[in-house]
Amino acid sequence: MTDPAKAASDLHNELAGKIVASIVRPAYAVRGSFTDILVLTESVLVGVCLTCVKLGGDEKVLDVMVDGARQRLAEIRLKDLQTEGRA
């Protein structure tokens, strides 16, 4: 039996990879800069918020999304970090 949460997570990760590639590859293909990619990503975020978030909910939704992104980045970047010393 498939775990619904795992199936959803797998689907989200697959879609995210495709979306990231659809943003990054064309920008780099035309020698776009990192700034171009960030501005395009910002535009996508704004479009999603305008489509899905009710008026007045933007700040809370953006805070939750950015906090979640920070947490996920930390987990990904630090998971294999080897520490030295003792606490």
C-alpha atoms as a PDB file:
ATOM      1  CA  MET A   1       0.000   0.000   0.000  1.00  0.00           C
ATOM      2  CA  THR A   2       1.413   3.398  -0.993  1.00  0.00           C
ATOM      3  CA  ASP A   3       1.759   6.097   1.653  1.00  0.00           C
ATOM      4  CA  PRO A   4      -0.289   9.098   0.384  1.00  0.00           C
ATOM      5  CA  ALA A   5       2.085  11.619   2.003  1.00  0.00           C
ATOM      6  CA  LYS A   6       5.111   9.969   0.370  1.00  0.00           C
ATOM      7  CA  ALA A   7       3.346   9.825  -2.996  1.00  0.00           C
ATOM      8  CA  ALA A   8       2.466  13.530  -2.740  1.00  0.00           C
ATOM      9  CA  SER A   9       6.030  14.406  -1.727  1.00  0.00           C
ATOM     10  CA  ASP A  10       7.447  12.417  -4.649  1.00  0.00           C
ATOM     11  CA  LEU A  11       5.073  14.145  -7.071  1.00  0.00           C
ATOM     12  CA  HIS A  12       5.926  17.593  -5.668  1.00  0.00           C
ATOM     13  CA  ASN A  13       9.656  16.908  -5.996  1.00  0.00           C
ATOM     14  CA  GLU A  14       9.260  15.668  -9.563  1.00  0.00           C
ATOM     15  CA  LEU A  15       7.178  18.685 -10.577  1.00  0.00           C
ATOM     16  CA  ALA A  16       9.520  21.100  -8.795  1.00  0.00           C
ATOM     17  CA  GLY A  17      12.481  19.695 -10.702  1.00  0.00           C
ATOM     18  CA  LYS A  18      10.691  20.207 -14.012  1.00  0.00           C
ATOM     19  CA  ILE A  19       9.608  23.735 -13.074  1.00  0.00           C
ATOM     20  CA  VAL A  20      13.120  24.687 -11.955  1.00  0.00           C
ATOM     21  CA  ALA A  21      14.563  23.371 -15.207  1.00  0.00           C
ATOM     22  CA  SER A  22      11.953  25.307 -17.218  1.00  0.00           C
ATOM     23  CA  ILE A  23      13.058  28.512 -15.473  1.00  0.00           C
ATOM     24  CA  VAL A  24      16.824  28.037 -15.345  1.00  0.00           C
ATOM     25  CA  ARG A  25      17.652  26.407 -18.694  1.00  0.00           C
ATOM     26  CA  PRO A  26      16.054  29.025 -20.975  1.00  0.00           C
ATOM     27  CA  ALA A  27      17.579  31.872 -18.975  1.00  0.00           C
ATOM     28  CA  TYR A  28      21.062  30.392 -19.223  1.00  0.00           C
ATOM     29  CA  ALA A  29      20.509  29.508 -22.895  1.00  0.00           C
ATOM     30  CA  VAL A  30      20.205  33.219 -23.700  1.00  0.00           C
ATOM     31  CA  ARG A  31      23.093  34.040 -21.356  1.00  0.00           C
ATOM     32  CA  GLY A  32      20.750  35.316 -18.693  1.00  0.00           C
ATOM     33  CA  SER A  33      22.203  36.166 -15.327  1.00  0.00           C
ATOM     34  CA  PHE A  34      21.526  34.799 -11.879  1.00  0.00           C
ATOM     35  CA  THR A  35      19.590  38.023 -11.269  1.00  0.00           C
ATOM     36  CA  ASP A  36      17.384  37.266 -14.288  1.00  0.00           C
ATOM     37  CA  ILE A  37      16.571  33.867 -12.800  1.00  0.00           C
ATOM     38  CA  LEU A  38      15.740  35.373  -9.408  1.00  0.00           C
ATOM     39  CA  VAL A  39      13.468  38.015 -10.970  1.00  0.00           C
ATOM     40  CA  LEU A  40      11.689  35.338 -13.011  1.00  0.00           C
ATOM     41  CA  THR A  41      11.296  33.201  -9.876  1.00  0.00           C
ATOM     42  CA  GLU A  42       9.863  36.219  -8.048  1.00  0.00           C
ATOM     43  CA  SER A  43       7.391  36.737 -10.887  1.00  0.00           C
ATOM     44  CA  VAL A  44       6.275  33.104 -10.657  1.00  0.00           C
ATOM     45  CA  LEU A  45       5.817  33.424  -6.881  1.00  0.00           C
ATOM     46  CA  VAL A  46       3.747  36.584  -7.326  1.00  0.00           C
ATOM     47  CA  GLY A  47       1.618  34.877  -9.965  1.00  0.00           C
ATOM     48  CA  VAL A  48       0.980  31.885  -7.721  1.00  0.00           C
ATOM     49  CA  CYS A  49       0.025  34.170  -4.815  1.00  0.00           C
ATOM     50  CA  LEU A  50      -2.299  36.237  -6.994  1.00  0.00           C
ATOM     51  CA  THR A  51      -3.957  33.043  -8.188  1.00  0.00           C
ATOM     52  CA  CYS A  52      -4.233  31.170  -4.888  1.00  0.00           C
ATOM     53  CA  VAL A  53      -4.103  33.591  -1.946  1.00  0.00           C
ATOM     54  CA  LYS A  54      -7.027  35.732  -0.891  1.00  0.00           C
ATOM     55  CA  LEU A  55      -6.539  39.480  -0.574  1.00  0.00           C
ATOM     56  CA  GLY A  56      -4.989  40.232   2.798  1.00  0.00           C
ATOM     57  CA  GLY A  57      -3.284  36.852   3.183  1.00  0.00           C
ATOM     58  CA  ASP A  58      -0.138  37.598   1.216  1.00  0.00           C
ATOM     59  CA  GLU A  59       2.148  38.473   4.130  1.00  0.00           C
ATOM     60  CA  LYS A  60       1.306  35.388   6.163  1.00  0.00           C
ATOM     61  CA  VAL A  61       1.567  33.037   3.181  1.00  0.00           C
ATOM     62  CA  LEU A  62       4.876  34.541   2.055  1.00  0.00           C
ATOM     63  CA  ASP A  63       6.284  34.297   5.600  1.00  0.00           C
ATOM     64  CA  VAL A  64       5.329  30.623   5.831  1.00  0.00           C
ATOM     65  CA  MET A  65       6.726  29.880   2.379  1.00  0.00           C
ATOM     66  CA  VAL A  66      10.051  31.649   3.002  1.00  0.00           C
ATOM     67  CA  ASP A  67      10.438  30.026   6.428  1.00  0.00           C
ATOM     68  CA  GLY A  68       9.764  26.627   4.871  1.00  0.00           C
ATOM     69  CA  ALA A  69      12.240  27.295   2.079  1.00  0.00           C
ATOM     70  CA  ARG A  70      14.927  28.320   4.586  1.00  0.00           C
ATOM     71  CA  GLN A  71      14.349  25.173   6.610  1.00  0.00           C
ATOM     72  CA  ARG A  72      14.476  22.905   3.564  1.00  0.00           C
ATOM     73  CA  LEU A  73      17.633  24.582   2.254  1.00  0.00           C
ATOM     74  CA  ALA A  74      19.330  24.147   5.622  1.00  0.00           C
ATOM     75  CA  GLU A  75      18.338  20.480   5.775  1.00  0.00           C
ATOM     76  CA  ILE A  76      19.596  19.826   2.246  1.00  0.00           C
ATOM     77  CA  ARG A  77      22.830  21.803   2.553  1.00  0.00           C
ATOM     78  CA  LEU A  78      23.742  20.651   6.056  1.00  0.00           C
ATOM     79  CA  LYS A  79      22.646  17.000   6.062  1.00  0.00           C
ATOM     80  CA  ASP A  80      26.063  15.632   5.088  1.00  0.00           C
ATOM     81  CA  LEU A  81      28.126  18.256   6.888  1.00  0.00           C
ATOM     82  CA  GLN A  82      30.798  16.688   9.057  1.00  0.00           C
ATOM     83  CA  THR A  83      31.478  18.519  12.276  1.00  0.00           C
ATOM     84  CA  GLU A  84      34.698  18.466  14.215  1.00  0.00           C
ATOM     85  CA  GLY A  85      35.223  18.807  17.896  1.00  0.00           C
ATOM     86  CA  ARG A  86      33.026  18.022  20.838  1.00  0.00           C
ATOM     87  CA  ALA A  87      30.172  19.804  22.505  1.00  0.00           C
END
